[in-house]
Amino acid sequence: EVCKLKYDMSKFLELLAIAIVADMMELRDL
């Protein structure tokens, strides 16, 4: 946002899913 870049942050969703599950985060809400 501060660099005013056109960039698709959703490209990292595959990696985030792995980190969330592996780190035993609560699997509710976001």
PDB file of all heavy atoms in Angstrom:
ATOM      1  N   GLU A   1       0.820  -1.208   0.000  1.00  0.00           N
ATOM      2  CA  GLU A   1       0.000   0.000   0.000  1.00  0.00           C
ATOM      3  C   GLU A   1       0.861   1.270   0.000  1.00  0.00           C
ATOM      4  O   GLU A   1       0.636   2.175  -0.801  1.00  0.00           O
ATOM      5  CB  GLU A   1      -0.865  -0.023   1.266  1.00  0.00           C
ATOM      6  CG  GLU A   1      -2.306   0.347   1.030  1.00  0.00           C
ATOM      7  CD  GLU A   1      -3.101   0.199   2.309  1.00  0.00           C
ATOM      8  OE1 GLU A   1      -3.345  -0.952   2.737  1.00  0.00           O
ATOM      9  OE2 GLU A   1      -3.449   1.232   2.894  1.00  0.00           O
ATOM     10  N   VAL A   2       1.864   1.313   0.900  1.00  0.00           N
ATOM     11  CA  VAL A   2       2.665   2.553   0.985  1.00  0.00           C
ATOM     12  C   VAL A   2       3.557   2.739  -0.241  1.00  0.00           C
ATOM     13  O   VAL A   2       3.897   3.860  -0.601  1.00  0.00           O
ATOM     14  CB  VAL A   2       3.494   2.659   2.302  1.00  0.00           C
ATOM     15  CG1 VAL A   2       2.595   2.633   3.523  1.00  0.00           C
ATOM     16  CG2 VAL A   2       4.573   1.610   2.394  1.00  0.00           C
ATOM     17  N   CYS A   3       3.912   1.624  -0.891  1.00  0.00           N
ATOM     18  CA  CYS A   3       4.728   1.726  -2.114  1.00  0.00           C
ATOM     19  C   CYS A   3       3.864   1.867  -3.373  1.00  0.00           C
ATOM     20  O   CYS A   3       4.389   1.922  -4.491  1.00  0.00           O
ATOM     21  CB  CYS A   3       5.637   0.501  -2.265  1.00  0.00           C
ATOM     22  SG  CYS A   3       6.921   0.397  -1.020  1.00  0.00           S
ATOM     23  N   LYS A   4       2.528   1.881  -3.174  1.00  0.00           N
ATOM     24  CA  LYS A   4       1.557   1.987  -4.291  1.00  0.00           C
ATOM     25  C   LYS A   4       1.835   0.951  -5.376  1.00  0.00           C
ATOM     26  O   LYS A   4       1.928   1.253  -6.560  1.00  0.00           O
ATOM     27  CB  LYS A   4       1.575   3.408  -4.885  1.00  0.00           C
ATOM     28  CG  LYS A   4       1.138   4.469  -3.875  1.00  0.00           C
ATOM     29  CD  LYS A   4       1.056   5.844  -4.507  1.00  0.00           C
ATOM     30  CE  LYS A   4       0.438   6.890  -3.598  1.00  0.00           C
ATOM     31  NZ  LYS A   4       1.085   7.039  -2.283  1.00  0.00           N
ATOM     32  N   LEU A   5       1.987  -0.309  -4.951  1.00  0.00           N
ATOM     33  CA  LEU A   5       2.303  -1.394  -5.889  1.00  0.00           C
ATOM     34  C   LEU A   5       1.038  -2.133  -6.301  1.00  0.00           C
ATOM     35  O   LEU A   5       0.123  -2.312  -5.495  1.00  0.00           O
ATOM     36  CB  LEU A   5       3.235  -2.412  -5.223  1.00  0.00           C
ATOM     37  CG  LEU A   5       4.639  -1.966  -4.836  1.00  0.00           C
ATOM     38  CD1 LEU A   5       5.305  -3.042  -3.990  1.00  0.00           C
ATOM     39  CD2 LEU A   5       5.487  -1.710  -6.079  1.00  0.00           C
ATOM     40  N   LYS A   6       1.016  -2.588  -7.544  1.00  0.00           N
ATOM     41  CA  LYS A   6      -0.043  -3.518  -7.984  1.00  0.00           C
ATOM     42  C   LYS A   6       0.530  -4.908  -7.712  1.00  0.00           C
ATOM     43  O   LYS A   6       1.491  -5.325  -8.369  1.00  0.00           O
ATOM     44  CB  LYS A   6      -0.270  -3.341  -9.494  1.00  0.00           C
ATOM     45  CG  LYS A   6      -1.540  -2.578  -9.845  1.00  0.00           C
ATOM     46  CD  LYS A   6      -1.819  -2.698 -11.335  1.00  0.00           C
ATOM     47  CE  LYS A   6      -3.236  -2.516 -11.755  1.00  0.00           C
ATOM     48  NZ  LYS A   6      -4.059  -1.547 -11.102  1.00  0.00           N
ATOM     49  N   TYR A   7      -0.002  -5.578  -6.718  1.00  0.00           N
ATOM     50  CA  TYR A   7       0.601  -6.858  -6.322  1.00  0.00           C
ATOM     51  C   TYR A   7      -0.484  -7.743  -5.728  1.00  0.00           C
ATOM     52  O   TYR A   7      -1.277  -7.300  -4.899  1.00  0.00           O
ATOM     53  CB  TYR A   7       1.706  -6.611  -5.282  1.00  0.00           C
ATOM     54  CG  TYR A   7       2.582  -7.811  -5.016  1.00  0.00           C
ATOM     55  CD1 TYR A   7       3.741  -8.027  -5.761  1.00  0.00           C
ATOM     56  CD2 TYR A   7       2.243  -8.745  -4.041  1.00  0.00           C
ATOM     57  CE1 TYR A   7       4.540  -9.139  -5.525  1.00  0.00           C
ATOM     58  CE2 TYR A   7       3.034  -9.861  -3.809  1.00  0.00           C
ATOM     59  CZ  TYR A   7       4.186 -10.047  -4.557  1.00  0.00           C
ATOM     60  OH  TYR A   7       4.978 -11.159  -4.339  1.00  0.00           O
ATOM     61  N   ASP A   8      -0.521  -9.011  -6.145  1.00  0.00           N
ATOM     62  CA  ASP A   8      -1.572  -9.926  -5.713  1.00  0.00           C
ATOM     63  C   ASP A   8      -1.130 -10.676  -4.454  1.00  0.00           C
ATOM     64  O   ASP A   8      -0.380 -11.646  -4.529  1.00  0.00           O
ATOM     65  CB  ASP A   8      -1.880 -10.910  -6.853  1.00  0.00           C
ATOM     66  CG  ASP A   8      -3.005 -11.869  -6.482  1.00  0.00           C
ATOM     67  OD1 ASP A   8      -3.637 -11.650  -5.423  1.00  0.00           O
ATOM     68  OD2 ASP A   8      -3.240 -12.825  -7.232  1.00  0.00           O
ATOM     69  N   MET A   9      -1.608 -10.225  -3.294  1.00  0.00           N
ATOM     70  CA  MET A   9      -1.218 -10.852  -2.023  1.00  0.00           C
ATOM     71  C   MET A   9      -1.785 -12.267  -1.877  1.00  0.00           C
ATOM     72  O   MET A   9      -1.329 -13.046  -1.042  1.00  0.00           O
ATOM     73  CB  MET A   9      -1.684  -9.991  -0.834  1.00  0.00           C
ATOM     74  CG  MET A   9      -1.030  -8.631  -0.730  1.00  0.00           C
ATOM     75  SD  MET A   9       0.786  -8.699  -0.623  1.00  0.00           S
ATOM     76  CE  MET A   9       1.026  -9.530   0.934  1.00  0.00           C
ATOM     77  N   SER A  10      -2.788 -12.617  -2.706  1.00  0.00           N
ATOM     78  CA  SER A  10      -3.393 -13.950  -2.578  1.00  0.00           C
ATOM     79  C   SER A  10      -2.454 -15.048  -3.103  1.00  0.00           C
ATOM     80  O   SER A  10      -2.713 -16.227  -2.898  1.00  0.00           O
ATOM     81  CB  SER A  10      -4.736 -14.025  -3.305  1.00  0.00           C
ATOM     82  OG  SER A  10      -4.539 -13.995  -4.694  1.00  0.00           O
ATOM     83  N   LYS A  11      -1.348 -14.649  -3.760  1.00  0.00           N
ATOM     84  CA  LYS A  11      -0.406 -15.670  -4.244  1.00  0.00           C
ATOM     85  C   LYS A  11       0.223 -16.456  -3.086  1.00  0.00           C
ATOM     86  O   LYS A  11       0.788 -17.521  -3.274  1.00  0.00           O
ATOM     87  CB  LYS A  11       0.688 -15.048  -5.122  1.00  0.00           C
ATOM     88  CG  LYS A  11       1.723 -14.224  -4.365  1.00  0.00           C
ATOM     89  CD  LYS A  11       2.878 -13.773  -5.255  1.00  0.00           C
ATOM     90  CE  LYS A  11       3.855 -14.885  -5.501  1.00  0.00           C
ATOM     91  NZ  LYS A  11       5.135 -14.434  -6.074  1.00  0.00           N
ATOM     92  N   PHE A  12       0.100 -15.903  -1.856  1.00  0.00           N
ATOM     93  CA  PHE A  12       0.711 -16.563  -0.700  1.00  0.00           C
ATOM     94  C   PHE A  12      -0.275 -17.415   0.109  1.00  0.00           C
ATOM     95  O   PHE A  12       0.101 -17.975   1.132  1.00  0.00           O
ATOM     96  CB  PHE A  12       1.347 -15.514   0.225  1.00  0.00           C
ATOM     97  CG  PHE A  12       2.461 -14.738  -0.422  1.00  0.00           C
ATOM     98  CD1 PHE A  12       2.373 -13.356  -0.557  1.00  0.00           C
ATOM     99  CD2 PHE A  12       3.589 -15.374  -0.904  1.00  0.00           C
ATOM    100  CE1 PHE A  12       3.393 -12.630  -1.160  1.00  0.00           C
ATOM    101  CE2 PHE A  12       4.620 -14.663  -1.507  1.00  0.00           C
ATOM    102  CZ  PHE A  12       4.521 -13.287  -1.643  1.00  0.00           C
ATOM    103  N   LEU A  13      -1.527 -17.516  -0.345  1.00  0.00           N
ATOM    104  CA  LEU A  13      -2.533 -18.246   0.435  1.00  0.00           C
ATOM    105  C   LEU A  13      -2.149 -19.716   0.636  1.00  0.00           C
ATOM    106  O   LEU A  13      -2.398 -20.296   1.685  1.00  0.00           O
ATOM    107  CB  LEU A  13      -3.914 -18.160  -0.231  1.00  0.00           C
ATOM    108  CG  LEU A  13      -4.584 -16.779  -0.218  1.00  0.00           C
ATOM    109  CD1 LEU A  13      -5.912 -16.834  -0.950  1.00  0.00           C
ATOM    110  CD2 LEU A  13      -4.791 -16.278   1.207  1.00  0.00           C
ATOM    111  N   GLU A  14      -1.532 -20.320  -0.377  1.00  0.00           N
ATOM    112  CA  GLU A  14      -1.130 -21.727  -0.274  1.00  0.00           C
ATOM    113  C   GLU A  14      -0.132 -21.925   0.871  1.00  0.00           C
ATOM    114  O   GLU A  14      -0.198 -22.896   1.619  1.00  0.00           O
ATOM    115  CB  GLU A  14      -0.519 -22.194  -1.605  1.00  0.00           C
ATOM    116  CG  GLU A  14       0.563 -21.260  -2.097  1.00  0.00           C
ATOM    117  CD  GLU A  14       1.152 -21.616  -3.453  1.00  0.00           C
ATOM    118  OE1 GLU A  14       0.401 -22.111  -4.287  1.00  0.00           O
ATOM    119  OE2 GLU A  14       2.354 -21.389  -3.635  1.00  0.00           O
ATOM    120  N   LEU A  15       0.796 -20.960   1.006  1.00  0.00           N
ATOM    121  CA  LEU A  15       1.805 -21.069   2.060  1.00  0.00           C
ATOM    122  C   LEU A  15       1.208 -20.751   3.431  1.00  0.00           C
ATOM    123  O   LEU A  15       1.525 -21.394   4.426  1.00  0.00           O
ATOM    124  CB  LEU A  15       2.978 -20.114   1.778  1.00  0.00           C
ATOM    125  CG  LEU A  15       3.830 -20.454   0.553  1.00  0.00           C
ATOM    126  CD1 LEU A  15       4.837 -19.355   0.274  1.00  0.00           C
ATOM    127  CD2 LEU A  15       4.552 -21.787   0.735  1.00  0.00           C
ATOM    128  N   LEU A  16       0.316 -19.756   3.476  1.00  0.00           N
ATOM    129  CA  LEU A  16      -0.319 -19.386   4.749  1.00  0.00           C
ATOM    130  C   LEU A  16      -1.106 -20.565   5.325  1.00  0.00           C
ATOM    131  O   LEU A  16      -1.071 -20.808   6.531  1.00  0.00           O
ATOM    132  CB  LEU A  16      -1.275 -18.197   4.553  1.00  0.00           C
ATOM    133  CG  LEU A  16      -0.641 -16.826   4.325  1.00  0.00           C
ATOM    134  CD1 LEU A  16      -1.733 -15.791   4.100  1.00  0.00           C
ATOM    135  CD2 LEU A  16       0.231 -16.405   5.496  1.00  0.00           C
ATOM    136  N   ALA A  17      -1.815 -21.290   4.458  1.00  0.00           N
ATOM    137  CA  ALA A  17      -2.615 -22.433   4.927  1.00  0.00           C
ATOM    138  C   ALA A  17      -1.730 -23.439   5.659  1.00  0.00           C
ATOM    139  O   ALA A  17      -2.103 -23.976   6.709  1.00  0.00           O
ATOM    140  CB  ALA A  17      -3.318 -23.103   3.744  1.00  0.00           C
ATOM    141  N   ILE A  18      -0.540 -23.684   5.125  1.00  0.00           N
ATOM    142  CA  ILE A  18       0.375 -24.657   5.724  1.00  0.00           C
ATOM    143  C   ILE A  18       0.866 -24.152   7.084  1.00  0.00           C
ATOM    144  O   ILE A  18       0.896 -24.899   8.068  1.00  0.00           O
ATOM    145  CB  ILE A  18       1.555 -24.933   4.764  1.00  0.00           C
ATOM    146  CG1 ILE A  18       1.036 -25.668   3.528  1.00  0.00           C
ATOM    147  CG2 ILE A  18       2.653 -25.739   5.446  1.00  0.00           C
ATOM    148  CD1 ILE A  18       2.014 -25.723   2.380  1.00  0.00           C
ATOM    149  N   ALA A  19       1.222 -22.870   7.158  1.00  0.00           N
ATOM    150  CA  ALA A  19       1.719 -22.302   8.423  1.00  0.00           C
ATOM    151  C   ALA A  19       0.637 -22.314   9.502  1.00  0.00           C
ATOM    152  O   ALA A  19       0.897 -22.636  10.657  1.00  0.00           O
ATOM    153  CB  ALA A  19       2.226 -20.886   8.189  1.00  0.00           C
ATOM    154  N   ILE A  20      -0.605 -21.968   9.119  1.00  0.00           N
ATOM    155  CA  ILE A  20      -1.712 -21.902  10.088  1.00  0.00           C
ATOM    156  C   ILE A  20      -1.962 -23.290  10.689  1.00  0.00           C
ATOM    157  O   ILE A  20      -2.096 -23.441  11.908  1.00  0.00           O
ATOM    158  CB  ILE A  20      -3.002 -21.360   9.415  1.00  0.00           C
ATOM    159  CG1 ILE A  20      -2.834 -19.883   9.035  1.00  0.00           C
ATOM    160  CG2 ILE A  20      -4.213 -21.530  10.333  1.00  0.00           C
ATOM    161  CD1 ILE A  20      -3.908 -19.351   8.066  1.00  0.00           C
ATOM    162  N   VAL A  21      -2.019 -24.312   9.832  1.00  0.00           N
ATOM    163  CA  VAL A  21      -2.283 -25.673  10.309  1.00  0.00           C
ATOM    164  C   VAL A  21      -1.096 -26.182  11.127  1.00  0.00           C
ATOM    165  O   VAL A  21      -1.269 -26.731  12.223  1.00  0.00           O
ATOM    166  CB  VAL A  21      -2.588 -26.628   9.123  1.00  0.00           C
ATOM    167  CG1 VAL A  21      -2.653 -28.079   9.590  1.00  0.00           C
ATOM    168  CG2 VAL A  21      -3.898 -26.228   8.445  1.00  0.00           C
ATOM    169  N   ALA A  22       0.117 -25.989  10.610  1.00  0.00           N
ATOM    170  CA  ALA A  22       1.311 -26.520  11.285  1.00  0.00           C
ATOM    171  C   ALA A  22       1.518 -25.882  12.651  1.00  0.00           C
ATOM    172  O   ALA A  22       1.992 -26.536  13.578  1.00  0.00           O
ATOM    173  CB  ALA A  22       2.548 -26.290  10.414  1.00  0.00           C
ATOM    174  N   ASP A  23       1.144 -24.601  12.796  1.00  0.00           N
ATOM    175  CA  ASP A  23       1.379 -23.907  14.064  1.00  0.00           C
ATOM    176  C   ASP A  23       0.187 -24.025  15.011  1.00  0.00           C
ATOM    177  O   ASP A  23       0.114 -23.317  16.008  1.00  0.00           O
ATOM    178  CB  ASP A  23       1.727 -22.431  13.820  1.00  0.00           C
ATOM    179  CG  ASP A  23       2.917 -21.997  14.676  1.00  0.00           C
ATOM    180  OD1 ASP A  23       3.907 -22.748  14.722  1.00  0.00           O
ATOM    181  OD2 ASP A  23       2.854 -20.930  15.313  1.00  0.00           O
ATOM    182  N   MET A  24      -0.743 -24.924  14.680  1.00  0.00           N
ATOM    183  CA  MET A  24      -1.893 -25.227  15.533  1.00  0.00           C
ATOM    184  C   MET A  24      -2.710 -23.987  15.918  1.00  0.00           C
ATOM    185  O   MET A  24      -3.084 -23.789  17.069  1.00  0.00           O
ATOM    186  CB  MET A  24      -1.430 -25.953  16.800  1.00  0.00           C
ATOM    187  CG  MET A  24      -0.916 -27.355  16.542  1.00  0.00           C
ATOM    188  SD  MET A  24      -0.116 -28.063  17.993  1.00  0.00           S
ATOM    189  CE  MET A  24      -1.503 -28.169  19.112  1.00  0.00           C
ATOM    190  N   MET A  25      -2.953 -23.139  14.926  1.00  0.00           N
ATOM    191  CA  MET A  25      -3.813 -21.977  15.176  1.00  0.00           C
ATOM    192  C   MET A  25      -5.279 -22.422  15.217  1.00  0.00           C
ATOM    193  O   MET A  25      -5.637 -23.448  14.649  1.00  0.00           O
ATOM    194  CB  MET A  25      -3.630 -20.932  14.066  1.00  0.00           C
ATOM    195  CG  MET A  25      -2.254 -20.274  14.048  1.00  0.00           C
ATOM    196  SD  MET A  25      -1.909 -19.330  15.540  1.00  0.00           S
ATOM    197  CE  MET A  25      -0.803 -20.412  16.419  1.00  0.00           C
ATOM    198  N   GLU A  26      -6.116 -21.623  15.861  1.00  0.00           N
ATOM    199  CA  GLU A  26      -7.543 -21.935  15.935  1.00  0.00           C
ATOM    200  C   GLU A  26      -8.135 -21.931  14.524  1.00  0.00           C
ATOM    201  O   GLU A  26      -8.011 -20.936  13.814  1.00  0.00           O
ATOM    202  CB  GLU A  26      -8.268 -20.878  16.779  1.00  0.00           C
ATOM    203  CG  GLU A  26      -7.766 -20.829  18.208  1.00  0.00           C
ATOM    204  CD  GLU A  26      -8.495 -19.783  19.040  1.00  0.00           C
ATOM    205  OE1 GLU A  26      -9.342 -19.054  18.489  1.00  0.00           O
ATOM    206  OE2 GLU A  26      -8.222 -19.709  20.246  1.00  0.00           O
ATOM    207  N   LEU A  27      -8.787 -23.021  14.150  1.00  0.00           N
ATOM    208  CA  LEU A  27      -9.334 -23.109  12.795  1.00  0.00           C
ATOM    209  C   LEU A  27     -10.774 -22.604  12.758  1.00  0.00           C
ATOM    210  O   LEU A  27     -11.719 -23.347  12.498  1.00  0.00           O
ATOM    211  CB  LEU A  27      -9.211 -24.535  12.257  1.00  0.00           C
ATOM    212  CG  LEU A  27      -7.759 -24.940  11.972  1.00  0.00           C
ATOM    213  CD1 LEU A  27      -7.685 -26.356  11.449  1.00  0.00           C
ATOM    214  CD2 LEU A  27      -7.085 -23.999  10.994  1.00  0.00           C
ATOM    215  N   ARG A  28     -10.905 -21.340  13.087  1.00  0.00           N
ATOM    216  CA  ARG A  28     -12.197 -20.664  12.989  1.00  0.00           C
ATOM    217  C   ARG A  28     -11.924 -19.264  12.463  1.00  0.00           C
ATOM    218  O   ARG A  28     -10.776 -18.867  12.292  1.00  0.00           O
ATOM    219  CB  ARG A  28     -12.905 -20.636  14.350  1.00  0.00           C
ATOM    220  CG  ARG A  28     -12.102 -19.975  15.445  1.00  0.00           C
ATOM    221  CD  ARG A  28     -12.818 -19.971  16.784  1.00  0.00           C
ATOM    222  NE  ARG A  28     -12.119 -19.094  17.724  1.00  0.00           N
ATOM    223  CZ  ARG A  28     -12.321 -17.791  17.826  1.00  0.00           C
ATOM    224  NH1 ARG A  28     -13.205 -17.179  17.053  1.00  0.00           N
ATOM    225  NH2 ARG A  28     -11.646 -17.069  18.697  1.00  0.00           N
ATOM    226  N   ASP A  29     -13.006 -18.543  12.173  1.00  0.00           N
ATOM    227  CA  ASP A  29     -12.915 -17.161  11.737  1.00  0.00           C
ATOM    228  C   ASP A  29     -11.957 -17.024  10.548  1.00  0.00           C
ATOM    229  O   ASP A  29     -11.997 -17.821   9.628  1.00  0.00           O
ATOM    230  CB  ASP A  29     -12.495 -16.263  12.917  1.00  0.00           C
ATOM    231  CG  ASP A  29     -12.998 -14.834  12.759  1.00  0.00           C
ATOM    232  OD1 ASP A  29     -12.335 -14.055  12.062  1.00  0.00           O
ATOM    233  OD2 ASP A  29     -14.074 -14.493  13.289  1.00  0.00           O
ATOM    234  N   LEU A  30     -11.076 -16.007  10.580  1.00  0.00           N
ATOM    235  CA  LEU A  30     -10.263 -15.739   9.384  1.00  0.00           C
ATOM    236  C   LEU A  30      -9.310 -16.890   9.072  1.00  0.00           C
ATOM    237  O   LEU A  30      -8.982 -17.140   7.909  1.00  0.00           O
ATOM    238  CB  LEU A  30      -9.507 -14.418   9.521  1.00  0.00           C
ATOM    239  CG  LEU A  30      -8.415 -14.313  10.571  1.00  0.00           C
ATOM    240  CD1 LEU A  30      -7.053 -14.357   9.911  1.00  0.00           C
ATOM    241  CD2 LEU A  30      -8.559 -13.001  11.307  1.00  0.00           C
TER     242      LEU A  30
END
